[in-house]
PDB file of N, CA and C in Angstrom:
ATOM      1  N   MET A   1     198.855  58.028 193.036  1.00  0.00           N
ATOM      2  CA  MET A   1     199.950  58.918 193.343  1.00  0.00           C
ATOM      3  C   MET A   1     200.021  59.099 194.854  1.00  0.00           C
ATOM      4  N   LYS A   2     201.188  59.077 195.381  1.00  0.00           N
ATOM      5  CA  LYS A   2     201.393  59.169 196.822  1.00  0.00           C
ATOM      6  C   LYS A   2     201.323  60.625 197.305  1.00  0.00           C
ATOM      7  N   LEU A   3     200.626  60.834 198.415  1.00  0.00           N
ATOM      8  CA  LEU A   3     200.550  62.156 199.038  1.00  0.00           C
ATOM      9  C   LEU A   3     201.919  62.542 199.543  1.00  0.00           C
ATOM     10  N   LYS A   4     202.412  63.683 199.098  1.00  0.00           N
ATOM     11  CA  LYS A   4     203.711  64.140 199.562  1.00  0.00           C
ATOM     12  C   LYS A   4     203.564  64.983 200.821  1.00  0.00           C
ATOM     13  N   GLU A   5     202.568  65.851 200.846  1.00  0.00           N
ATOM     14  CA  GLU A   5     202.440  66.694 202.031  1.00  0.00           C
ATOM     15  C   GLU A   5     201.077  67.369 202.103  1.00  0.00           C
ATOM     16  N   ILE A   6     200.695  67.681 203.322  1.00  0.00           N
ATOM     17  CA  ILE A   6     199.553  68.554 203.568  1.00  0.00           C
ATOM     18  C   ILE A   6     200.132  69.948 203.719  1.00  0.00           C
ATOM     19  N   ILE A   7     199.544  70.912 203.032  1.00  0.00           N
ATOM     20  CA  ILE A   7     200.066  72.277 203.034  1.00  0.00           C
ATOM     21  C   ILE A   7     199.286  73.115 204.034  1.00  0.00           C
ATOM     22  N   SER A   8     200.027  73.816 204.885  1.00  0.00           N
ATOM     23  CA  SER A   8     199.423  74.712 205.858  1.00  0.00           C
ATOM     24  C   SER A   8     200.200  76.018 205.838  1.00  0.00           C
ATOM     25  N   THR A   9     199.478  77.137 205.884  1.00  0.00           N
ATOM     26  CA  THR A   9     200.126  78.448 205.866  1.00  0.00           C
ATOM     27  C   THR A   9     199.480  79.351 206.906  1.00  0.00           C
ATOM     28  N   GLU A  10     199.936  80.590 206.923  1.00  0.00           N
ATOM     29  CA  GLU A  10     199.322  81.584 207.792  1.00  0.00           C
ATOM     30  C   GLU A  10     198.232  82.349 207.062  1.00  0.00           C
ATOM     31  N   ALA A  11     197.778  81.815 205.926  1.00  0.00           N
ATOM     32  CA  ALA A  11     196.638  82.411 205.228  1.00  0.00           C
ATOM     33  C   ALA A  11     195.442  82.329 206.168  1.00  0.00           C
ATOM     34  N   SER A  12     194.316  82.748 205.706  1.00  0.00           N
ATOM     35  CA  SER A  12     193.133  82.767 206.561  1.00  0.00           C
ATOM     36  C   SER A  12     192.888  81.412 207.212  1.00  0.00           C
ATOM     37  N   PRO A  13     192.380  81.415 208.428  1.00  0.00           N
ATOM     38  CA  PRO A  13     192.136  80.143 209.120  1.00  0.00           C
ATOM     39  C   PRO A  13     191.020  79.351 208.448  1.00  0.00           C
ATOM     40  N   ALA A  14     191.147  78.030 208.497  1.00  0.00           N
ATOM     41  CA  ALA A  14     190.107  77.159 207.945  1.00  0.00           C
ATOM     42  C   ALA A  14     188.845  77.277 208.794  1.00  0.00           C
ATOM     43  N   LEU A  15     187.702  77.323 208.137  1.00  0.00           N
ATOM     44  CA  LEU A  15     186.430  77.420 208.852  1.00  0.00           C
ATOM     45  C   LEU A  15     185.799  76.041 209.073  1.00  0.00           C
ATOM     46  N   GLY A  16     186.498  75.004 208.671  1.00  0.00           N
ATOM     47  CA  GLY A  16     185.971  73.656 208.811  1.00  0.00           C
ATOM     48  C   GLY A  16     187.098  72.650 208.893  1.00  0.00           C
ATOM     49  N   PRO A  17     186.742  71.374 208.814  1.00  0.00           N
ATOM     50  CA  PRO A  17     187.735  70.306 208.960  1.00  0.00           C
ATOM     51  C   PRO A  17     188.473  70.009 207.647  1.00  0.00           C
ATOM     52  N   TYR A  18     189.275  70.955 207.194  1.00  0.00           N
ATOM     53  CA  TYR A  18     190.033  70.777 205.966  1.00  0.00           C
ATOM     54  C   TYR A  18     191.363  71.511 206.089  1.00  0.00           C
ATOM     55  N   CYS A  19     192.291  71.186 205.190  1.00  0.00           N
ATOM     56  CA  CYS A  19     193.598  71.849 205.191  1.00  0.00           C
ATOM     57  C   CYS A  19     193.622  72.907 204.086  1.00  0.00           C
ATOM     58  N   HIS A  20     194.630  73.764 204.117  1.00  0.00           N
ATOM     59  CA  HIS A  20     194.760  74.795 203.088  1.00  0.00           C
ATOM     60  C   HIS A  20     195.003  74.188 201.712  1.00  0.00           C
ATOM     61  N   GLY A  21     195.747  73.114 201.676  1.00  0.00           N
ATOM     62  CA  GLY A  21     196.037  72.495 200.386  1.00  0.00           C
ATOM     63  C   GLY A  21     196.731  71.168 200.564  1.00  0.00           C
ATOM     64  N   ARG A  22     196.866  70.458 199.448  1.00  0.00           N
ATOM     65  CA  ARG A  22     197.578  69.186 199.433  1.00  0.00           C
ATOM     66  C   ARG A  22     198.436  69.129 198.191  1.00  0.00           C
ATOM     67  N   ARG A  23     199.547  68.438 198.340  1.00  0.00           N
ATOM     68  CA  ARG A  23     200.429  68.226 197.202  1.00  0.00           C
ATOM     69  C   ARG A  23     200.495  66.732 196.926  1.00  0.00           C
ATOM     70  N   TYR A  24     200.176  66.370 195.714  1.00  0.00           N
ATOM     71  CA  TYR A  24     200.271  65.003 195.234  1.00  0.00           C
ATOM     72  C   TYR A  24     201.310  65.005 194.121  1.00  0.00           C
ATOM     73  N   GLY A  25     202.466  64.420 194.367  1.00  0.00           N
ATOM     74  CA  GLY A  25     203.534  64.493 193.375  1.00  0.00           C
ATOM     75  C   GLY A  25     203.876  65.953 193.138  1.00  0.00           C
ATOM     76  N   ASP A  26     203.769  66.386 191.894  1.00  0.00           N
ATOM     77  CA  ASP A  26     204.047  67.787 191.566  1.00  0.00           C
ATOM     78  C   ASP A  26     202.790  68.650 191.540  1.00  0.00           C
ATOM     79  N   MET A  27     201.625  68.039 191.755  1.00  0.00           N
ATOM     80  CA  MET A  27     200.365  68.790 191.693  1.00  0.00           C
ATOM     81  C   MET A  27     200.010  69.372 193.056  1.00  0.00           C
ATOM     82  N   ILE A  28     199.652  70.646 193.056  1.00  0.00           N
ATOM     83  CA  ILE A  28     199.234  71.352 194.266  1.00  0.00           C
ATOM     84  C   ILE A  28     197.766  71.731 194.089  1.00  0.00           C
ATOM     85  N   ILE A  29     196.935  71.312 195.036  1.00  0.00           N
ATOM     86  CA  ILE A  29     195.508  71.614 194.984  1.00  0.00           C
ATOM     87  C   ILE A  29     195.155  72.373 196.255  1.00  0.00           C
ATOM     88  N   THR A  30     194.599  73.569 196.108  1.00  0.00           N
ATOM     89  CA  THR A  30     194.230  74.353 197.288  1.00  0.00           C
ATOM     90  C   THR A  30     192.764  74.141 197.639  1.00  0.00           C
ATOM     91  N   SER A  31     192.451  74.365 198.892  1.00  0.00           N
ATOM     92  CA  SER A  31     191.056  74.478 199.311  1.00  0.00           C
ATOM     93  C   SER A  31     190.576  75.862 198.900  1.00  0.00           C
ATOM     94  N   GLY A  32     189.283  76.055 198.891  1.00  0.00           N
ATOM     95  CA  GLY A  32     188.734  77.367 198.599  1.00  0.00           C
ATOM     96  C   GLY A  32     189.129  78.361 199.676  1.00  0.00           C
ATOM     97  N   GLN A  33     189.411  79.570 199.245  1.00  0.00           N
ATOM     98  CA  GLN A  33     189.745  80.649 200.168  1.00  0.00           C
ATOM     99  C   GLN A  33     188.742  81.773 199.994  1.00  0.00           C
ATOM    100  N   ILE A  34     188.245  82.266 201.107  1.00  0.00           N
ATOM    101  CA  ILE A  34     187.371  83.439 201.098  1.00  0.00           C
ATOM    102  C   ILE A  34     188.188  84.623 201.615  1.00  0.00           C
ATOM    103  N   PRO A  35     187.711  85.842 201.440  1.00  0.00           N
ATOM    104  CA  PRO A  35     188.457  87.005 201.910  1.00  0.00           C
ATOM    105  C   PRO A  35     188.374  87.154 203.430  1.00  0.00           C
ATOM    106  N   LEU A  36     189.165  86.343 204.084  1.00  0.00           N
ATOM    107  CA  LEU A  36     189.251  86.319 205.541  1.00  0.00           C
ATOM    108  C   LEU A  36     190.713  86.512 205.904  1.00  0.00           C
ATOM    109  N   THR A  37     190.998  87.509 206.733  1.00  0.00           N
ATOM    110  CA  THR A  37     192.383  87.771 207.115  1.00  0.00           C
ATOM    111  C   THR A  37     192.846  86.727 208.120  1.00  0.00           C
ATOM    112  N   LYS A  38     194.158  86.683 208.346  1.00  0.00           N
ATOM    113  CA  LYS A  38     194.689  85.734 209.333  1.00  0.00           C
ATOM    114  C   LYS A  38     194.182  86.063 210.735  1.00  0.00           C
ATOM    115  N   ASP A  39     193.652  87.279 210.936  1.00  0.00           N
ATOM    116  CA  ASP A  39     193.057  87.675 212.222  1.00  0.00           C
ATOM    117  C   ASP A  39     191.550  87.424 212.245  1.00  0.00           C
ATOM    118  N   SER A  40     191.074  86.639 211.289  1.00  0.00           N
ATOM    119  CA  SER A  40     189.660  86.244 211.186  1.00  0.00           C
ATOM    120  C   SER A  40     188.706  87.409 210.935  1.00  0.00           C
ATOM    121  N   GLU A  41     189.160  88.394 210.173  1.00  0.00           N
ATOM    122  CA  GLU A  41     188.294  89.515 209.790  1.00  0.00           C
ATOM    123  C   GLU A  41     187.916  89.367 208.321  1.00  0.00           C
ATOM    124  N   TYR A  42     186.631  89.483 208.033  1.00  0.00           N
ATOM    125  CA  TYR A  42     186.147  89.396 206.658  1.00  0.00           C
ATOM    126  C   TYR A  42     186.412  90.699 205.923  1.00  0.00           C
ATOM    127  N   VAL A  43     186.692  90.604 204.632  1.00  0.00           N
ATOM    128  CA  VAL A  43     186.872  91.764 203.757  1.00  0.00           C
ATOM    129  C   VAL A  43     185.744  91.703 202.729  1.00  0.00           C
ATOM    130  N   TYR A  44     184.977  92.783 202.619  1.00  0.00           N
ATOM    131  CA  TYR A  44     183.801  92.783 201.748  1.00  0.00           C
ATOM    132  C   TYR A  44     183.947  93.624 200.486  1.00  0.00           C
ATOM    133  N   GLU A  45     184.807  94.645 200.509  1.00  0.00           N
ATOM    134  CA  GLU A  45     184.986  95.478 199.312  1.00  0.00           C
ATOM    135  C   GLU A  45     185.589  94.579 198.240  1.00  0.00           C
ATOM    136  N   ILE A  46     184.980  94.534 197.057  1.00  0.00           N
ATOM    137  CA  ILE A  46     185.282  93.505 196.065  1.00  0.00           C
ATOM    138  C   ILE A  46     186.728  93.499 195.593  1.00  0.00           C
ATOM    139  N   LYS A  47     187.324  94.640 195.344  1.00  0.00           N
ATOM    140  CA  LYS A  47     188.712  94.652 194.871  1.00  0.00           C
ATOM    141  C   LYS A  47     189.668  94.196 195.977  1.00  0.00           C
ATOM    142  N   ALA A  48     189.484  94.694 197.178  1.00  0.00           N
ATOM    143  CA  ALA A  48     190.335  94.281 198.296  1.00  0.00           C
ATOM    144  C   ALA A  48     190.120  92.799 198.615  1.00  0.00           C
ATOM    145  N   ALA A  49     188.880  92.343 198.529  1.00  0.00           N
ATOM    146  CA  ALA A  49     188.567  90.938 198.788  1.00  0.00           C
ATOM    147  C   ALA A  49     189.238  90.033 197.759  1.00  0.00           C
ATOM    148  N   THR A  50     189.183  90.428 196.487  1.00  0.00           N
ATOM    149  CA  THR A  50     189.806  89.643 195.424  1.00  0.00           C
ATOM    150  C   THR A  50     191.314  89.574 195.618  1.00  0.00           C
ATOM    151  N   ALA A  51     191.930  90.704 195.915  1.00  0.00           N
ATOM    152  CA  ALA A  51     193.380  90.738 196.127  1.00  0.00           C
ATOM    153  C   ALA A  51     193.790  89.854 197.295  1.00  0.00           C
ATOM    154  N   LEU A  52     193.035  89.893 198.386  1.00  0.00           N
ATOM    155  CA  LEU A  52     193.354  89.079 199.559  1.00  0.00           C
ATOM    156  C   LEU A  52     193.231  87.591 199.243  1.00  0.00           C
ATOM    157  N   VAL A  53     192.169  87.199 198.566  1.00  0.00           N
ATOM    158  CA  VAL A  53     191.973  85.790 198.214  1.00  0.00           C
ATOM    159  C   VAL A  53     193.123  85.302 197.336  1.00  0.00           C
ATOM    160  N   LEU A  54     193.488  86.066 196.311  1.00  0.00           N
ATOM    161  CA  LEU A  54     194.572  85.660 195.420  1.00  0.00           C
ATOM    162  C   LEU A  54     195.908  85.582 196.169  1.00  0.00           C
ATOM    163  N   LYS A  55     196.154  86.545 197.040  1.00  0.00           N
ATOM    164  CA  LYS A  55     197.390  86.552 197.837  1.00  0.00           C
ATOM    165  C   LYS A  55     197.450  85.321 198.739  1.00  0.00           C
ATOM    166  N   ASN A  56     196.339  85.015 199.416  1.00  0.00           N
ATOM    167  CA  ASN A  56     196.309  83.849 200.296  1.00  0.00           C
ATOM    168  C   ASN A  56     196.491  82.555 199.514  1.00  0.00           C
ATOM    169  N   LEU A  57     195.859  82.469 198.347  1.00  0.00           N
ATOM    170  CA  LEU A  57     196.019  81.277 197.526  1.00  0.00           C
ATOM    171  C   LEU A  57     197.459  81.121 197.053  1.00  0.00           C
ATOM    172  N   LEU A  58     198.075  82.215 196.627  1.00  0.00           N
ATOM    173  CA  LEU A  58     199.468  82.142 196.198  1.00  0.00           C
ATOM    174  C   LEU A  58     200.368  81.685 197.341  1.00  0.00           C
ATOM    175  N   SER A  59     200.092  82.128 198.556  1.00  0.00           N
ATOM    176  CA  SER A  59     200.925  81.699 199.691  1.00  0.00           C
ATOM    177  C   SER A  59     200.820  80.185 199.906  1.00  0.00           C
ATOM    178  N   ILE A  60     199.652  79.621 199.649  1.00  0.00           N
ATOM    179  CA  ILE A  60     199.476  78.170 199.765  1.00  0.00           C
ATOM    180  C   ILE A  60     200.237  77.466 198.650  1.00  0.00           C
ATOM    181  N   VAL A  61     200.110  77.963 197.434  1.00  0.00           N
ATOM    182  CA  VAL A  61     200.834  77.389 196.288  1.00  0.00           C
ATOM    183  C   VAL A  61     202.339  77.429 196.549  1.00  0.00           C
ATOM    184  N   GLU A  62     202.842  78.564 197.021  1.00  0.00           N
ATOM    185  CA  GLU A  62     204.277  78.693 197.302  1.00  0.00           C
ATOM    186  C   GLU A  62     204.716  77.762 198.420  1.00  0.00           C
ATOM    187  N   ALA A  63     203.885  77.594 199.449  1.00  0.00           N
ATOM    188  CA  ALA A  63     204.215  76.675 200.543  1.00  0.00           C
ATOM    189  C   ALA A  63     204.296  75.235 200.041  1.00  0.00           C
ATOM    190  N   GLY A  64     203.591  74.941 198.968  1.00  0.00           N
ATOM    191  CA  GLY A  64     203.629  73.614 198.375  1.00  0.00           C
ATOM    192  C   GLY A  64     204.730  73.445 197.345  1.00  0.00           C
ATOM    193  N   GLY A  65     205.528  74.476 197.116  1.00  0.00           N
ATOM    194  CA  GLY A  65     206.630  74.394 196.170  1.00  0.00           C
ATOM    195  C   GLY A  65     206.336  74.988 194.809  1.00  0.00           C
ATOM    196  N   GLY A  66     205.206  75.644 194.654  1.00  0.00           N
ATOM    197  CA  GLY A  66     204.841  76.251 193.383  1.00  0.00           C
ATOM    198  C   GLY A  66     205.169  77.728 193.339  1.00  0.00           C
ATOM    199  N   SER A  67     204.736  78.364 192.254  1.00  0.00           N
ATOM    200  CA  SER A  67     204.962  79.797 192.066  1.00  0.00           C
ATOM    201  C   SER A  67     203.777  80.367 191.305  1.00  0.00           C
ATOM    202  N   LEU A  68     203.744  81.664 191.178  1.00  0.00           N
ATOM    203  CA  LEU A  68     202.683  82.323 190.415  1.00  0.00           C
ATOM    204  C   LEU A  68     202.588  81.728 189.018  1.00  0.00           C
ATOM    205  N   GLU A  69     203.738  81.547 188.383  1.00  0.00           N
ATOM    206  CA  GLU A  69     203.770  81.046 187.012  1.00  0.00           C
ATOM    207  C   GLU A  69     203.379  79.575 186.898  1.00  0.00           C
ATOM    208  N   SER A  70     203.385  78.845 188.011  1.00  0.00           N
ATOM    209  CA  SER A  70     203.029  77.420 187.954  1.00  0.00           C
ATOM    210  C   SER A  70     201.536  77.180 188.211  1.00  0.00           C
ATOM    211  N   ILE A  71     200.780  78.252 188.417  1.00  0.00           N
ATOM    212  CA  ILE A  71     199.331  78.115 188.626  1.00  0.00           C
ATOM    213  C   ILE A  71     198.690  77.804 187.278  1.00  0.00           C
ATOM    214  N   ALA A  72     197.982  76.677 187.231  1.00  0.00           N
ATOM    215  CA  ALA A  72     197.388  76.215 185.982  1.00  0.00           C
ATOM    216  C   ALA A  72     195.910  76.563 185.871  1.00  0.00           C
ATOM    217  N   ARG A  73     195.208  76.594 187.002  1.00  0.00           N
ATOM    218  CA  ARG A  73     193.761  76.831 186.960  1.00  0.00           C
ATOM    219  C   ARG A  73     193.311  77.562 188.219  1.00  0.00           C
ATOM    220  N   VAL A  74     192.349  78.442 188.039  1.00  0.00           N
ATOM    221  CA  VAL A  74     191.731  79.160 189.147  1.00  0.00           C
ATOM    222  C   VAL A  74     190.220  78.996 189.009  1.00  0.00           C
ATOM    223  N   ASP A  75     189.571  78.581 190.074  1.00  0.00           N
ATOM    224  CA  ASP A  75     188.107  78.504 190.109  1.00  0.00           C
ATOM    225  C   ASP A  75     187.620  79.635 191.007  1.00  0.00           C
ATOM    226  N   VAL A  76     186.730  80.471 190.480  1.00  0.00           N
ATOM    227  CA  VAL A  76     186.233  81.631 191.215  1.00  0.00           C
ATOM    228  C   VAL A  76     184.713  81.527 191.330  1.00  0.00           C
ATOM    229  N   PHE A  77     184.230  81.694 192.536  1.00  0.00           N
ATOM    230  CA  PHE A  77     182.797  81.673 192.821  1.00  0.00           C
ATOM    231  C   PHE A  77     182.428  83.044 193.365  1.00  0.00           C
ATOM    232  N   ILE A  78     181.515  83.738 192.672  1.00  0.00           N
ATOM    233  CA  ILE A  78     181.159  85.094 193.083  1.00  0.00           C
ATOM    234  C   ILE A  78     179.666  85.189 193.383  1.00  0.00           C
ATOM    235  N   LYS A  79     179.342  86.056 194.333  1.00  0.00           N
ATOM    236  CA  LYS A  79     177.931  86.247 194.709  1.00  0.00           C
ATOM    237  C   LYS A  79     177.169  87.064 193.688  1.00  0.00           C
ATOM    238  N   ASP A  80     177.848  87.970 193.003  1.00  0.00           N
ATOM    239  CA  ASP A  80     177.146  88.874 192.101  1.00  0.00           C
ATOM    240  C   ASP A  80     177.968  89.080 190.833  1.00  0.00           C
ATOM    241  N   LEU A  81     177.423  88.680 189.690  1.00  0.00           N
ATOM    242  CA  LEU A  81     178.142  88.852 188.424  1.00  0.00           C
ATOM    243  C   LEU A  81     178.392  90.316 188.087  1.00  0.00           C
ATOM    244  N   LYS A  82     177.725  91.229 188.766  1.00  0.00           N
ATOM    245  CA  LYS A  82     178.002  92.651 188.570  1.00  0.00           C
ATOM    246  C   LYS A  82     179.428  92.999 189.003  1.00  0.00           C
ATOM    247  N   ASP A  83     180.038  92.151 189.856  1.00  0.00           N
ATOM    248  CA  ASP A  83     181.408  92.372 190.325  1.00  0.00           C
ATOM    249  C   ASP A  83     182.455  91.822 189.360  1.00  0.00           C
ATOM    250  N   PHE A  84     182.020  91.156 188.298  1.00  0.00           N
ATOM    251  CA  PHE A  84     182.913  90.471 187.368  1.00  0.00           C
ATOM    252  C   PHE A  84     184.016  91.385 186.829  1.00  0.00           C
ATOM    253  N   GLY A  85     183.667  92.588 186.401  1.00  0.00           N
ATOM    254  CA  GLY A  85     184.649  93.524 185.846  1.00  0.00           C
ATOM    255  C   GLY A  85     185.706  93.938 186.853  1.00  0.00           C
ATOM    256  N   GLN A  86     185.288  94.231 188.081  1.00  0.00           N
ATOM    257  CA  GLN A  86     186.242  94.638 189.117  1.00  0.00           C
ATOM    258  C   GLN A  86     187.149  93.476 189.520  1.00  0.00           C
ATOM    259  N   ILE A  87     186.587  92.276 189.571  1.00  0.00           N
ATOM    260  CA  ILE A  87     187.393  91.092 189.868  1.00  0.00           C
ATOM    261  C   ILE A  87     188.439  90.908 188.774  1.00  0.00           C
ATOM    262  N   ASN A  88     188.026  91.061 187.517  1.00  0.00           N
ATOM    263  CA  ASN A  88     188.959  90.920 186.397  1.00  0.00           C
ATOM    264  C   ASN A  88     190.093  91.941 186.455  1.00  0.00           C
ATOM    265  N   GLU A  89     189.799  93.167 186.890  1.00  0.00           N
ATOM    266  CA  GLU A  89     190.851  94.186 187.013  1.00  0.00           C
ATOM    267  C   GLU A  89     191.940  93.724 187.977  1.00  0.00           C
ATOM    268  N   VAL A  90     191.532  93.256 189.152  1.00  0.00           N
ATOM    269  CA  VAL A  90     192.489  92.801 190.163  1.00  0.00           C
ATOM    270  C   VAL A  90     193.205  91.541 189.671  1.00  0.00           C
ATOM    271  N   TYR A  91     192.456  90.645 189.070  1.00  0.00           N
ATOM    272  CA  TYR A  91     192.997  89.386 188.559  1.00  0.00           C
ATOM    273  C   TYR A  91     194.084  89.658 187.508  1.00  0.00           C
ATOM    274  N   LYS A  92     193.802  90.568 186.590  1.00  0.00           N
ATOM    275  CA  LYS A  92     194.764  90.909 185.537  1.00  0.00           C
ATOM    276  C   LYS A  92     196.033  91.506 186.131  1.00  0.00           C
ATOM    277  N   GLU A  93     195.876  92.401 187.094  1.00  0.00           N
ATOM    278  CA  GLU A  93     197.039  93.004 187.743  1.00  0.00           C
ATOM    279  C   GLU A  93     197.848  91.952 188.498  1.00  0.00           C
ATOM    280  N   PHE A  94     197.165  91.041 189.181  1.00  0.00           N
ATOM    281  CA  PHE A  94     197.825  90.006 189.977  1.00  0.00           C
ATOM    282  C   PHE A  94     198.630  89.055 189.087  1.00  0.00           C
ATOM    283  N   PHE A  95     198.041  88.583 187.997  1.00  0.00           N
ATOM    284  CA  PHE A  95     198.693  87.587 187.153  1.00  0.00           C
ATOM    285  C   PHE A  95     199.561  88.176 186.045  1.00  0.00           C
ATOM    286  N   GLY A  96     199.365  89.414 185.683  1.00  0.00           N
ATOM    287  CA  GLY A  96     200.160  90.003 184.606  1.00  0.00           C
ATOM    288  C   GLY A  96     199.994  89.222 183.321  1.00  0.00           C
ATOM    289  N   ASP A  97     201.108  88.840 182.709  1.00  0.00           N
ATOM    290  CA  ASP A  97     201.068  88.112 181.442  1.00  0.00           C
ATOM    291  C   ASP A  97     200.750  86.631 181.608  1.00  0.00           C
ATOM    292  N   HIS A  98     200.842  86.115 182.817  1.00  0.00           N
ATOM    293  CA  HIS A  98     200.508  84.705 183.054  1.00  0.00           C
ATOM    294  C   HIS A  98     198.983  84.580 183.054  1.00  0.00           C
ATOM    295  N   LYS A  99     198.471  83.685 182.265  1.00  0.00           N
ATOM    296  CA  LYS A  99     197.021  83.545 182.149  1.00  0.00           C
ATOM    297  C   LYS A  99     196.610  82.097 182.402  1.00  0.00           C
ATOM    298  N   PRO A 100     196.423  81.723 183.681  1.00  0.00           N
ATOM    299  CA  PRO A 100     195.955  80.367 183.958  1.00  0.00           C
ATOM    300  C   PRO A 100     194.518  80.187 183.463  1.00  0.00           C
ATOM    301  N   THR A 101     194.113  78.945 183.252  1.00  0.00           N
ATOM    302  CA  THR A 101     192.721  78.704 182.898  1.00  0.00           C
ATOM    303  C   THR A 101     191.859  79.108 184.087  1.00  0.00           C
ATOM    304  N   ARG A 102     190.577  79.367 183.812  1.00  0.00           N
ATOM    305  CA  ARG A 102     189.727  79.850 184.905  1.00  0.00           C
ATOM    306  C   ARG A 102     188.282  79.429 184.694  1.00  0.00           C
ATOM    307  N   VAL A 103     187.633  79.192 185.812  1.00  0.00           N
ATOM    308  CA  VAL A 103     186.190  79.005 185.865  1.00  0.00           C
ATOM    309  C   VAL A 103     185.679  80.126 186.755  1.00  0.00           C
ATOM    310  N   CYS A 104     184.595  80.785 186.364  1.00  0.00           N
ATOM    311  CA  CYS A 104     184.002  81.835 187.191  1.00  0.00           C
ATOM    312  C   CYS A 104     182.489  81.697 187.112  1.00  0.00           C
ATOM    313  N   VAL A 105     181.867  81.423 188.244  1.00  0.00           N
ATOM    314  CA  VAL A 105     180.419  81.244 188.278  1.00  0.00           C
ATOM    315  C   VAL A 105     179.814  82.035 189.429  1.00  0.00           C
ATOM    316  N   GLN A 106     178.565  82.408 189.262  1.00  0.00           N
ATOM    317  CA  GLN A 106     177.815  83.067 190.338  1.00  0.00           C
ATOM    318  C   GLN A 106     177.188  81.988 191.211  1.00  0.00           C
ATOM    319  N   VAL A 107     177.234  82.214 192.516  1.00  0.00           N
ATOM    320  CA  VAL A 107     176.639  81.286 193.481  1.00  0.00           C
ATOM    321  C   VAL A 107     175.644  82.034 194.356  1.00  0.00           C
ATOM    322  N   ALA A 108     174.776  81.283 195.009  1.00  0.00           N
ATOM    323  CA  ALA A 108     173.728  81.899 195.831  1.00  0.00           C
ATOM    324  C   ALA A 108     174.250  82.485 197.134  1.00  0.00           C
ATOM    325  N   ALA A 109     175.216  81.819 197.764  1.00  0.00           N
ATOM    326  CA  ALA A 109     175.696  82.284 199.067  1.00  0.00           C
ATOM    327  C   ALA A 109     177.089  81.729 199.324  1.00  0.00           C
ATOM    328  N   LEU A 110     177.837  82.437 200.168  1.00  0.00           N
ATOM    329  CA  LEU A 110     179.172  82.017 200.576  1.00  0.00           C
ATOM    330  C   LEU A 110     179.308  82.230 202.080  1.00  0.00           C
ATOM    331  N   PRO A 111     180.228  81.513 202.743  1.00  0.00           N
ATOM    332  CA  PRO A 111     180.412  81.690 204.184  1.00  0.00           C
ATOM    333  C   PRO A 111     180.688  83.156 204.545  1.00  0.00           C
ATOM    334  N   GLY A 112     180.099  83.618 205.617  1.00  0.00           N
ATOM    335  CA  GLY A 112     180.314  84.990 206.070  1.00  0.00           C
ATOM    336  C   GLY A 112     179.713  86.034 205.152  1.00  0.00           C
ATOM    337  N   ASP A 113     178.891  85.609 204.209  1.00  0.00           N
ATOM    338  CA  ASP A 113     178.266  86.506 203.236  1.00  0.00           C
ATOM    339  C   ASP A 113     179.304  87.320 202.449  1.00  0.00           C
ATOM    340  N   VAL A 114     180.495  86.713 202.223  1.00  0.00           N
ATOM    341  CA  VAL A 114     181.566  87.382 201.485  1.00  0.00           C
ATOM    342  C   VAL A 114     181.248  87.399 199.992  1.00  0.00           C
ATOM    343  N   PRO A 115     181.916  88.269 199.222  1.00  0.00           N
ATOM    344  CA  PRO A 115     181.580  88.402 197.812  1.00  0.00           C
ATOM    345  C   PRO A 115     182.182  87.343 196.878  1.00  0.00           C
ATOM    346  N   LEU A 116     183.226  86.618 197.334  1.00  0.00           N
ATOM    347  CA  LEU A 116     183.815  85.608 196.457  1.00  0.00           C
ATOM    348  C   LEU A 116     184.598  84.571 197.234  1.00  0.00           C
ATOM    349  N   GLU A 117     184.834  83.459 196.562  1.00  0.00           N
ATOM    350  CA  GLU A 117     185.703  82.392 197.045  1.00  0.00           C
ATOM    351  C   GLU A 117     186.440  81.882 195.819  1.00  0.00           C
ATOM    352  N   ALA A 118     187.682  81.426 196.005  1.00  0.00           N
ATOM    353  CA  ALA A 118     188.447  80.891 194.879  1.00  0.00           C
ATOM    354  C   ALA A 118     189.362  79.775 195.346  1.00  0.00           C
ATOM    355  N   SER A 119     189.758  78.938 194.403  1.00  0.00           N
ATOM    356  CA  SER A 119     190.724  77.883 194.652  1.00  0.00           C
ATOM    357  C   SER A 119     191.652  77.785 193.441  1.00  0.00           C
ATOM    358  N   MET A 120     192.757  77.057 193.613  1.00  0.00           N
ATOM    359  CA  MET A 120     193.738  76.947 192.537  1.00  0.00           C
ATOM    360  C   MET A 120     194.263  75.524 192.407  1.00  0.00           C
ATOM    361  N   ILE A 121     194.715  75.218 191.216  1.00  0.00           N
ATOM    362  CA  ILE A 121     195.512  74.035 190.936  1.00  0.00           C
ATOM    363  C   ILE A 121     196.813  74.548 190.340  1.00  0.00           C
ATOM    364  N   ALA A 122     197.919  74.089 190.889  1.00  0.00           N
ATOM    365  CA  ALA A 122     199.235  74.522 190.421  1.00  0.00           C
ATOM    366  C   ALA A 122     200.164  73.315 190.424  1.00  0.00           C
ATOM    367  N   PHE A 123     201.375  73.559 189.986  1.00  0.00           N
ATOM    368  CA  PHE A 123     202.384  72.503 189.961  1.00  0.00           C
ATOM    369  C   PHE A 123     203.652  73.002 190.649  1.00  0.00           C
ATOM    370  N   ALA A 124     204.301  72.075 191.346  1.00  0.00           N
ATOM    371  CA  ALA A 124     205.545  72.421 192.021  1.00  0.00           C
ATOM    372  C   ALA A 124     206.595  72.760 190.976  1.00  0.00           C
ATOM    373  N   VAL A 125     207.423  73.720 191.305  1.00  0.00           N
ATOM    374  CA  VAL A 125     208.501  74.150 190.429  1.00  0.00           C
ATOM    375  C   VAL A 125     209.669  73.183 190.615  1.00  0.00           C
ATOM    376  N   GLU A 126     210.354  72.865 189.548  1.00  0.00           N
ATOM    377  CA  GLU A 126     211.505  71.964 189.641  1.00  0.00           C
ATOM    378  C   GLU A 126     212.497  72.492 190.653  1.00  0.00           C
ATOM    379  N   GLU A 127     212.973  71.594 191.485  1.00  0.00           N
ATOM    380  CA  GLU A 127     213.920  71.995 192.549  1.00  0.00           C
ATOM    381  C   GLU A 127     215.341  71.862 192.081  1.00  0.00           C
TER     382      GLU A 127
END
């Protein structure tokens, strides 16, 4: 499949040599996003961090031609499974009735010692 575009947004700045996302045909694949503001400030409170990550990911999906409803999968990496319930609260509010598939695992460490990182796979909306 031919690369249609590299996606770049004003979401948090990349901390390494990668782009925010790529679109291959109708498929949109994001890089992982941590709770980092566009001003390079980390957010550590779990609910605010989750909301920021989801918002930044959605902005990448939208820049690639997708929408909230076109998100098919979310991968979430969390430092502490004790935060699982609070993450789910924000996640449920963010997605409403749309329920993309999800992977959620605990990891040993994340950049900036943040509480979570997530990525998405979505599809471009018909134009």
